[in-house]
Structures are given as C-alpha cells and as structure tokens.
C-alpha cells in the first residue's frame, strides 16, 4: 500500500496532461473538420496540403504546452522553484 501513496503526488500532473491532450484532440478534430469543409466550399486545390503542413508543428506545440503545464504542478516543480539539488 505504501507504493500507492508514493504515486499520489503524480496523479494530478498525469491527469492534467492526459486531460489537456484529450480536450485538444476533440478541438483538433473539430477545427480540422471545419477547415476541410471551408476548403471544399472554396475549391482550394492546395487546401489539404495546408492542413498537412500545420499538423505536426501544431501537435508539437500542444504537446509541449501540456507537458509544461503538467510539470508545473508536479512534485518536481518544488525542486525547480527552490533550486534544491
């Protein structure tokens, strides 16, 4: 049972990270569907290339933001804030 109590401080950062990615996944799907609809209505031939060009950079940025948000509430934040090394 003591192993579970050691993991307790890490539940909030993991929940924030996973929650952030789940919410972002839903918004990403919604935005991409809307963008495809607009591209289809405007008959832009390079519209799908535009979507593909931004897909990986946006994913990297969102992953970095989620990781930083989770790191700020993790037990490691104490060490980063007070330089306890």
PDB file of N, CA and C in Angstrom:
ATOM      1  N   UNK A   1       0.815  -1.193   0.000  1.00  0.00           N
ATOM      2  CA  UNK A   1       0.000   0.000   0.000  1.00  0.00           C
ATOM      3  C   UNK A   1       0.858   1.256   0.000  1.00  0.00           C
ATOM      4  N   UNK A   2       2.078   1.183   0.493  1.00  0.00           N
ATOM      5  CA  UNK A   2       2.934   2.368   0.548  1.00  0.00           C
ATOM      6  C   UNK A   2       3.376   2.800  -0.845  1.00  0.00           C
ATOM      7  N   UNK A   3       3.416   1.867  -1.792  1.00  0.00           N
ATOM      8  CA  UNK A   3       3.772   2.249  -3.158  1.00  0.00           C
ATOM      9  C   UNK A   3       2.712   3.132  -3.782  1.00  0.00           C
ATOM     10  N   UNK A   4       1.452   2.899  -3.464  1.00  0.00           N
ATOM     11  CA  UNK A   4       0.376   3.741  -3.990  1.00  0.00           C
ATOM     12  C   UNK A   4       0.424   5.141  -3.409  1.00  0.00           C
ATOM     13  N   UNK A   5       0.796   5.275  -2.154  1.00  0.00           N
ATOM     14  CA  UNK A   5       0.891   6.611  -1.560  1.00  0.00           C
ATOM     15  C   UNK A   5       2.063   7.388  -2.144  1.00  0.00           C
ATOM     16  N   UNK A   6       3.088   6.698  -2.610  1.00  0.00           N
ATOM     17  CA  UNK A   6       4.205   7.383  -3.261  1.00  0.00           C
ATOM     18  C   UNK A   6       3.803   7.921  -4.627  1.00  0.00           C
ATOM     19  N   UNK A   7       2.833   7.286  -5.263  1.00  0.00           N
ATOM     20  CA  UNK A   7       2.379   7.725  -6.575  1.00  0.00           C
ATOM     21  C   UNK A   7       1.339   8.832  -6.507  1.00  0.00           C
ATOM     22  N   UNK A   8       0.752   9.064  -5.352  1.00  0.00           N
ATOM     23  CA  UNK A   8      -0.325  10.040  -5.218  1.00  0.00           C
ATOM     24  C   UNK A   8       0.043  11.445  -5.717  1.00  0.00           C
ATOM     25  N   UNK A   9       1.236  11.982  -5.409  1.00  0.00           N
ATOM     26  CA  UNK A   9       1.555  13.328  -5.902  1.00  0.00           C
ATOM     27  C   UNK A   9       1.628  13.418  -7.426  1.00  0.00           C
ATOM     28  N   UNK A  10       1.761  12.282  -8.092  1.00  0.00           N
ATOM     29  CA  UNK A  10       1.884  12.291  -9.547  1.00  0.00           C
ATOM     30  C   UNK A  10       0.535  12.151 -10.250  1.00  0.00           C
ATOM     31  N   UNK A  11      -0.545  11.911  -9.511  1.00  0.00           N
ATOM     32  CA  UNK A  11      -1.856  11.747 -10.139  1.00  0.00           C
ATOM     33  C   UNK A  11      -2.347  13.044 -10.775  1.00  0.00           C
ATOM     34  N   UNK A  12      -2.189  14.164 -10.103  1.00  0.00           N
ATOM     35  CA  UNK A  12      -2.658  15.438 -10.646  1.00  0.00           C
ATOM     36  C   UNK A  12      -1.906  15.825 -11.925  1.00  0.00           C
ATOM     37  N   UNK A  13      -0.575  15.753 -11.962  1.00  0.00           N
ATOM     38  CA  UNK A  13       0.103  16.101 -13.220  1.00  0.00           C
ATOM     39  C   UNK A  13      -0.276  15.184 -14.380  1.00  0.00           C
ATOM     40  N   UNK A  14      -0.410  13.905 -14.109  1.00  0.00           N
ATOM     41  CA  UNK A  14      -0.776  12.969 -15.176  1.00  0.00           C
ATOM     42  C   UNK A  14      -2.202  13.252 -15.645  1.00  0.00           C
ATOM     43  N   UNK A  15      -3.103  13.536 -14.726  1.00  0.00           N
ATOM     44  CA  UNK A  15      -4.486  13.848 -15.095  1.00  0.00           C
ATOM     45  C   UNK A  15      -4.555  15.135 -15.919  1.00  0.00           C
ATOM     46  N   UNK A  16      -3.767  16.130 -15.555  1.00  0.00           N
ATOM     47  CA  UNK A  16      -3.746  17.384 -16.317  1.00  0.00           C
ATOM     48  C   UNK A  16      -3.206  17.147 -17.721  1.00  0.00           C
ATOM     49  N   UNK A  17      -2.132  16.392 -17.827  1.00  0.00           N
ATOM     50  CA  UNK A  17      -1.519  16.105 -19.124  1.00  0.00           C
ATOM     51  C   UNK A  17      -2.484  15.344 -20.029  1.00  0.00           C
ATOM     52  N   UNK A  18      -3.072  14.279 -19.515  1.00  0.00           N
ATOM     53  CA  UNK A  18      -3.990  13.462 -20.304  1.00  0.00           C
ATOM     54  C   UNK A  18      -5.258  14.253 -20.641  1.00  0.00           C
ATOM     55  N   UNK A  19      -5.785  14.980 -19.680  1.00  0.00           N
ATOM     56  CA  UNK A  19      -6.971  15.790 -19.928  1.00  0.00           C
ATOM     57  C   UNK A  19      -6.728  16.853 -20.982  1.00  0.00           C
ATOM     58  N   UNK A  20      -5.571  17.485 -20.907  1.00  0.00           N
ATOM     59  CA  UNK A  20      -5.220  18.504 -21.884  1.00  0.00           C
ATOM     60  C   UNK A  20      -5.167  17.896 -23.279  1.00  0.00           C
ATOM     61  N   UNK A  21      -4.553  16.726 -23.409  1.00  0.00           N
ATOM     62  CA  UNK A  21      -4.442  16.089 -24.713  1.00  0.00           C
ATOM     63  C   UNK A  21      -5.798  15.603 -25.232  1.00  0.00           C
ATOM     64  N   UNK A  22      -6.664  15.144 -24.348  1.00  0.00           N
ATOM     65  CA  UNK A  22      -7.990  14.693 -24.771  1.00  0.00           C
ATOM     66  C   UNK A  22      -8.826  15.879 -25.256  1.00  0.00           C
ATOM     67  N   UNK A  23      -8.817  16.956 -24.514  1.00  0.00           N
ATOM     68  CA  UNK A  23      -9.566  18.152 -24.921  1.00  0.00           C
ATOM     69  C   UNK A  23      -9.003  18.700 -26.229  1.00  0.00           C
ATOM     70  N   UNK A  24      -7.683  18.727 -26.334  1.00  0.00           N
ATOM     71  CA  UNK A  24      -7.071  19.212 -27.559  1.00  0.00           C
ATOM     72  C   UNK A  24      -7.421  18.302 -28.737  1.00  0.00           C
ATOM     73  N   UNK A  25      -7.474  16.994 -28.521  1.00  0.00           N
ATOM     74  CA  UNK A  25      -7.835  16.076 -29.588  1.00  0.00           C
ATOM     75  C   UNK A  25      -9.225  16.362 -30.126  1.00  0.00           C
ATOM     76  N   UNK A  26     -10.163  16.634 -29.239  1.00  0.00           N
ATOM     77  CA  UNK A  26     -11.512  16.980 -29.669  1.00  0.00           C
ATOM     78  C   UNK A  26     -11.561  18.288 -30.429  1.00  0.00           C
ATOM     79  N   UNK A  27     -10.852  19.285 -29.925  1.00  0.00           N
ATOM     80  CA  UNK A  27     -10.825  20.575 -30.616  1.00  0.00           C
ATOM     81  C   UNK A  27     -10.096  20.470 -31.954  1.00  0.00           C
ATOM     82  N   UNK A  28      -9.049  19.663 -31.993  1.00  0.00           N
ATOM     83  CA  UNK A  28      -8.307  19.460 -33.230  1.00  0.00           C
ATOM     84  C   UNK A  28      -9.205  18.830 -34.290  1.00  0.00           C
ATOM     85  N   UNK A  29      -9.974  17.825 -33.889  1.00  0.00           N
ATOM     86  CA  UNK A  29     -10.881  17.171 -34.829  1.00  0.00           C
ATOM     87  C   UNK A  29     -11.921  18.167 -35.337  1.00  0.00           C
ATOM     88  N   UNK A  30     -12.487  18.949 -34.432  1.00  0.00           N
ATOM     89  CA  UNK A  30     -13.497  19.934 -34.804  1.00  0.00           C
ATOM     90  C   UNK A  30     -12.928  20.981 -35.760  1.00  0.00           C
ATOM     91  N   UNK A  31     -11.756  21.512 -35.437  1.00  0.00           N
ATOM     92  CA  UNK A  31     -11.137  22.547 -36.265  1.00  0.00           C
ATOM     93  C   UNK A  31     -10.753  21.989 -37.634  1.00  0.00           C
ATOM     94  N   UNK A  32     -10.197  20.787 -37.664  1.00  0.00           N
ATOM     95  CA  UNK A  32      -9.790  20.198 -38.935  1.00  0.00           C
ATOM     96  C   UNK A  32     -11.001  19.898 -39.818  1.00  0.00           C
ATOM     97  N   UNK A  33     -12.081  19.427 -39.223  1.00  0.00           N
ATOM     98  CA  UNK A  33     -13.306  19.170 -39.980  1.00  0.00           C
ATOM     99  C   UNK A  33     -13.872  20.467 -40.546  1.00  0.00           C
ATOM    100  N   UNK A  34     -13.885  21.512 -39.730  1.00  0.00           N
ATOM    101  CA  UNK A  34     -14.363  22.812 -40.187  1.00  0.00           C
ATOM    102  C   UNK A  34     -13.480  23.362 -41.304  1.00  0.00           C
ATOM    103  N   UNK A  35     -12.176  23.220 -41.160  1.00  0.00           N
ATOM    104  CA  UNK A  35     -11.245  23.703 -42.170  1.00  0.00           C
ATOM    105  C   UNK A  35     -11.399  22.932 -43.477  1.00  0.00           C
ATOM    106  N   UNK A  36     -11.591  21.627 -43.407  1.00  0.00           N
ATOM    107  CA  UNK A  36     -11.821  20.829 -44.617  1.00  0.00           C
ATOM    108  C   UNK A  36     -13.112  21.245 -45.309  1.00  0.00           C
ATOM    109  N   UNK A  37     -14.143  21.543 -44.527  1.00  0.00           N
ATOM    110  CA  UNK A  37     -15.416  21.994 -45.087  1.00  0.00           C
ATOM    111  C   UNK A  37     -15.236  23.316 -45.828  1.00  0.00           C
ATOM    112  N   UNK A  38     -14.517  24.254 -45.224  1.00  0.00           N
ATOM    113  CA  UNK A  38     -14.297  25.558 -45.849  1.00  0.00           C
ATOM    114  C   UNK A  38     -13.463  25.405 -47.115  1.00  0.00           C
ATOM    115  N   UNK A  39     -12.435  24.565 -47.068  1.00  0.00           N
ATOM    116  CA  UNK A  39     -11.586  24.344 -48.241  1.00  0.00           C
ATOM    117  C   UNK A  39     -12.395  23.714 -49.374  1.00  0.00           C
ATOM    118  N   UNK A  40     -13.270  22.793 -49.021  1.00  0.00           N
ATOM    119  CA  UNK A  40     -14.108  22.140 -50.027  1.00  0.00           C
ATOM    120  C   UNK A  40     -15.076  23.151 -50.658  1.00  0.00           C
ATOM    121  N   UNK A  41     -15.640  24.025 -49.845  1.00  0.00           N
ATOM    122  CA  UNK A  41     -16.581  25.023 -50.368  1.00  0.00           C
ATOM    123  C   UNK A  41     -15.881  26.069 -51.237  1.00  0.00           C
ATOM    124  N   UNK A  42     -14.633  26.404 -50.910  1.00  0.00           N
ATOM    125  CA  UNK A  42     -13.896  27.414 -51.668  1.00  0.00           C
ATOM    126  C   UNK A  42     -13.152  26.832 -52.866  1.00  0.00           C
ATOM    127  N   UNK A  43     -13.159  25.513 -52.998  1.00  0.00           N
ATOM    128  CA  UNK A  43     -12.462  24.817 -54.088  1.00  0.00           C
ATOM    129  C   UNK A  43     -10.982  25.173 -54.161  1.00  0.00           C
ATOM    130  N   UNK A  44     -10.311  25.128 -53.028  1.00  0.00           N
ATOM    131  CA  UNK A  44      -8.868  25.382 -52.997  1.00  0.00           C
ATOM    132  C   UNK A  44      -8.129  24.079 -53.276  1.00  0.00           C
ATOM    133  N   UNK A  45      -7.341  24.033 -54.349  1.00  0.00           N
ATOM    134  CA  UNK A  45      -6.666  22.775 -54.676  1.00  0.00           C
ATOM    135  C   UNK A  45      -5.547  22.404 -53.703  1.00  0.00           C
ATOM    136  N   UNK A  46      -4.923  23.374 -53.083  1.00  0.00           N
ATOM    137  CA  UNK A  46      -3.811  23.077 -52.170  1.00  0.00           C
ATOM    138  C   UNK A  46      -4.245  23.135 -50.713  1.00  0.00           C
ATOM    139  N   UNK A  47      -5.523  23.056 -50.456  1.00  0.00           N
ATOM    140  CA  UNK A  47      -6.038  23.155 -49.091  1.00  0.00           C
ATOM    141  C   UNK A  47      -5.613  22.000 -48.213  1.00  0.00           C
ATOM    142  N   UNK A  48      -5.612  20.790 -48.752  1.00  0.00           N
ATOM    143  CA  UNK A  48      -5.205  19.641 -47.936  1.00  0.00           C
ATOM    144  C   UNK A  48      -3.716  19.705 -47.629  1.00  0.00           C
ATOM    145  N   UNK A  49      -2.933  20.262 -48.544  1.00  0.00           N
ATOM    146  CA  UNK A  49      -1.502  20.437 -48.268  1.00  0.00           C
ATOM    147  C   UNK A  49      -1.288  21.433 -47.134  1.00  0.00           C
ATOM    148  N   UNK A  50      -2.142  22.430 -47.072  1.00  0.00           N
ATOM    149  CA  UNK A  50      -2.063  23.417 -46.000  1.00  0.00           C
ATOM    150  C   UNK A  50      -2.348  22.775 -44.648  1.00  0.00           C
ATOM    151  N   UNK A  51      -3.360  21.926 -44.605  1.00  0.00           N
ATOM    152  CA  UNK A  51      -3.686  21.218 -43.365  1.00  0.00           C
ATOM    153  C   UNK A  51      -2.534  20.316 -42.947  1.00  0.00           C
ATOM    154  N   UNK A  52      -1.980  19.583 -43.895  1.00  0.00           N
ATOM    155  CA  UNK A  52      -0.880  18.657 -43.587  1.00  0.00           C
ATOM    156  C   UNK A  52       0.377  19.411 -43.136  1.00  0.00           C
ATOM    157  N   UNK A  53       0.600  20.607 -43.673  1.00  0.00           N
ATOM    158  CA  UNK A  53       1.793  21.375 -43.314  1.00  0.00           C
ATOM    159  C   UNK A  53       1.765  21.830 -41.865  1.00  0.00           C
ATOM    160  N   UNK A  54       0.584  22.107 -41.334  1.00  0.00           N
ATOM    161  CA  UNK A  54       0.475  22.593 -39.968  1.00  0.00           C
ATOM    162  C   UNK A  54       0.222  21.493 -38.948  1.00  0.00           C
ATOM    163  N   UNK A  55      -0.062  20.294 -39.369  1.00  0.00           N
ATOM    164  CA  UNK A  55      -0.457  19.230 -38.453  1.00  0.00           C
ATOM    165  C   UNK A  55       0.654  18.886 -37.448  1.00  0.00           C
ATOM    166  N   UNK A  56       1.852  18.603 -37.901  1.00  0.00           N
ATOM    167  CA  UNK A  56       2.928  18.186 -36.994  1.00  0.00           C
ATOM    168  C   UNK A  56       3.425  19.337 -36.117  1.00  0.00           C
ATOM    169  N   UNK A  57       3.670  20.539 -36.654  1.00  0.00           N
ATOM    170  CA  UNK A  57       4.103  21.625 -35.763  1.00  0.00           C
ATOM    171  C   UNK A  57       3.090  21.961 -34.668  1.00  0.00           C
ATOM    172  N   UNK A  58       1.818  21.937 -35.011  1.00  0.00           N
ATOM    173  CA  UNK A  58       0.787  22.240 -34.003  1.00  0.00           C
ATOM    174  C   UNK A  58       0.764  21.150 -32.943  1.00  0.00           C
ATOM    175  N   UNK A  59       0.900  19.896 -33.337  1.00  0.00           N
ATOM    176  CA  UNK A  59       0.937  18.803 -32.366  1.00  0.00           C
ATOM    177  C   UNK A  59       2.131  18.952 -31.420  1.00  0.00           C
ATOM    178  N   UNK A  60       3.283  19.334 -31.954  1.00  0.00           N
ATOM    179  CA  UNK A  60       4.469  19.518 -31.100  1.00  0.00           C
ATOM    180  C   UNK A  60       4.270  20.663 -30.115  1.00  0.00           C
ATOM    181  N   UNK A  61       3.673  21.747 -30.568  1.00  0.00           N
ATOM    182  CA  UNK A  61       3.435  22.890 -29.693  1.00  0.00           C
ATOM    183  C   UNK A  61       2.453  22.527 -28.582  1.00  0.00           C
ATOM    184  N   UNK A  62       1.364  21.850 -28.929  1.00  0.00           N
ATOM    185  CA  UNK A  62       0.366  21.460 -27.935  1.00  0.00           C
ATOM    186  C   UNK A  62       0.948  20.470 -26.942  1.00  0.00           C
ATOM    187  N   UNK A  63       1.746  19.513 -27.423  1.00  0.00           N
ATOM    188  CA  UNK A  63       2.389  18.547 -26.527  1.00  0.00           C
ATOM    189  C   UNK A  63       3.311  19.267 -25.548  1.00  0.00           C
ATOM    190  N   UNK A  64       4.069  20.238 -26.033  1.00  0.00           N
ATOM    191  CA  UNK A  64       4.985  20.986 -25.171  1.00  0.00           C
ATOM    192  C   UNK A  64       4.220  21.784 -24.124  1.00  0.00           C
ATOM    193  N   UNK A  65       3.128  22.407 -24.506  1.00  0.00           N
ATOM    194  CA  UNK A  65       2.316  23.172 -23.549  1.00  0.00           C
ATOM    195  C   UNK A  65       1.731  22.243 -22.491  1.00  0.00           C
ATOM    196  N   UNK A  66       1.216  21.082 -22.912  1.00  0.00           N
ATOM    197  CA  UNK A  66       0.647  20.122 -21.960  1.00  0.00           C
ATOM    198  C   UNK A  66       1.716  19.603 -21.010  1.00  0.00           C
ATOM    199  N   UNK A  67       2.904  19.333 -21.536  1.00  0.00           N
ATOM    200  CA  UNK A  67       3.995  18.833 -20.701  1.00  0.00           C
ATOM    201  C   UNK A  67       4.427  19.886 -19.680  1.00  0.00           C
ATOM    202  N   UNK A  68       4.532  21.138 -20.104  1.00  0.00           N
ATOM    203  CA  UNK A  68       4.920  22.214 -19.179  1.00  0.00           C
ATOM    204  C   UNK A  68       3.854  22.447 -18.111  1.00  0.00           C
ATOM    205  N   UNK A  69       2.597  22.377 -18.491  1.00  0.00           N
ATOM    206  CA  UNK A  69       1.519  22.546 -17.516  1.00  0.00           C
ATOM    207  C   UNK A  69       1.543  21.433 -16.480  1.00  0.00           C
ATOM    208  N   UNK A  70       1.768  20.210 -16.933  1.00  0.00           N
ATOM    209  CA  UNK A  70       1.852  19.083 -16.004  1.00  0.00           C
ATOM    210  C   UNK A  70       3.093  19.191 -15.128  1.00  0.00           C
ATOM    211  N   UNK A  71       4.184  19.652 -15.685  1.00  0.00           N
ATOM    212  CA  UNK A  71       5.423  19.787 -14.917  1.00  0.00           C
ATOM    213  C   UNK A  71       5.292  20.847 -13.832  1.00  0.00           C
ATOM    214  N   UNK A  72       4.526  21.901 -14.103  1.00  0.00           N
ATOM    215  CA  UNK A  72       4.356  22.964 -13.111  1.00  0.00           C
ATOM    216  C   UNK A  72       3.593  22.521 -11.874  1.00  0.00           C
ATOM    217  N   UNK A  73       2.751  21.515 -11.974  1.00  0.00           N
ATOM    218  CA  UNK A  73       2.011  21.044 -10.805  1.00  0.00           C
ATOM    219  C   UNK A  73       2.580  19.748 -10.246  1.00  0.00           C
ATOM    220  N   UNK A  74       3.648  19.256 -10.843  1.00  0.00           N
ATOM    221  CA  UNK A  74       4.250  18.005 -10.371  1.00  0.00           C
ATOM    222  C   UNK A  74       5.144  18.267  -9.159  1.00  0.00           C
ATOM    223  N   UNK A  75       5.524  17.214  -8.466  1.00  0.00           N
ATOM    224  CA  UNK A  75       6.447  17.376  -7.339  1.00  0.00           C
ATOM    225  C   UNK A  75       7.809  17.924  -7.754  1.00  0.00           C
ATOM    226  N   UNK A  76       8.156  17.805  -9.015  1.00  0.00           N
ATOM    227  CA  UNK A  76       9.430  18.350  -9.491  1.00  0.00           C
ATOM    228  C   UNK A  76       9.436  19.873  -9.502  1.00  0.00           C
ATOM    229  N   UNK A  77       8.275  20.496  -9.510  1.00  0.00           N
ATOM    230  CA  UNK A  77       8.194  21.954  -9.524  1.00  0.00           C
ATOM    231  C   UNK A  77       8.836  22.548  -8.279  1.00  0.00           C
ATOM    232  N   UNK A  78       8.730  21.851  -7.168  1.00  0.00           N
ATOM    233  CA  UNK A  78       9.340  22.320  -5.930  1.00  0.00           C
ATOM    234  C   UNK A  78      10.855  22.425  -6.110  1.00  0.00           C
ATOM    235  N   UNK A  79      11.455  21.419  -6.723  1.00  0.00           N
ATOM    236  CA  UNK A  79      12.895  21.434  -6.920  1.00  0.00           C
ATOM    237  C   UNK A  79      13.323  22.507  -7.911  1.00  0.00           C
ATOM    238  N   UNK A  80      12.520  22.752  -8.909  1.00  0.00           N
ATOM    239  CA  UNK A  80      12.832  23.773  -9.891  1.00  0.00           C
ATOM    240  C   UNK A  80      12.684  25.174  -9.317  1.00  0.00           C
ATOM    241  N   UNK A  81      11.713  25.344  -8.421  1.00  0.00           N
ATOM    242  CA  UNK A  81      11.454  26.667  -7.865  1.00  0.00           C
ATOM    243  C   UNK A  81      12.486  27.057  -6.808  1.00  0.00           C
ATOM    244  N   UNK A  82      12.886  26.124  -5.980  1.00  0.00           N
ATOM    245  CA  UNK A  82      13.766  26.439  -4.855  1.00  0.00           C
ATOM    246  C   UNK A  82      15.207  25.987  -5.065  1.00  0.00           C
ATOM    247  N   UNK A  83      15.561  25.508  -6.227  1.00  0.00           N
ATOM    248  CA  UNK A  83      16.919  25.059  -6.546  1.00  0.00           C
ATOM    249  C   UNK A  83      17.450  24.081  -5.506  1.00  0.00           C
ATOM    250  N   UNK A  84      16.659  23.074  -5.191  1.00  0.00           N
ATOM    251  CA  UNK A  84      17.054  22.070  -4.213  1.00  0.00           C
ATOM    252  C   UNK A  84      17.639  20.888  -4.978  1.00  0.00           C
ATOM    253  N   UNK A  85      18.926  20.950  -5.181  1.00  0.00           N
ATOM    254  CA  UNK A  85      19.593  19.847  -5.883  1.00  0.00           C
ATOM    255  C   UNK A  85      20.871  19.516  -5.183  1.00  0.00           C
TER     256      UNK A  85
END
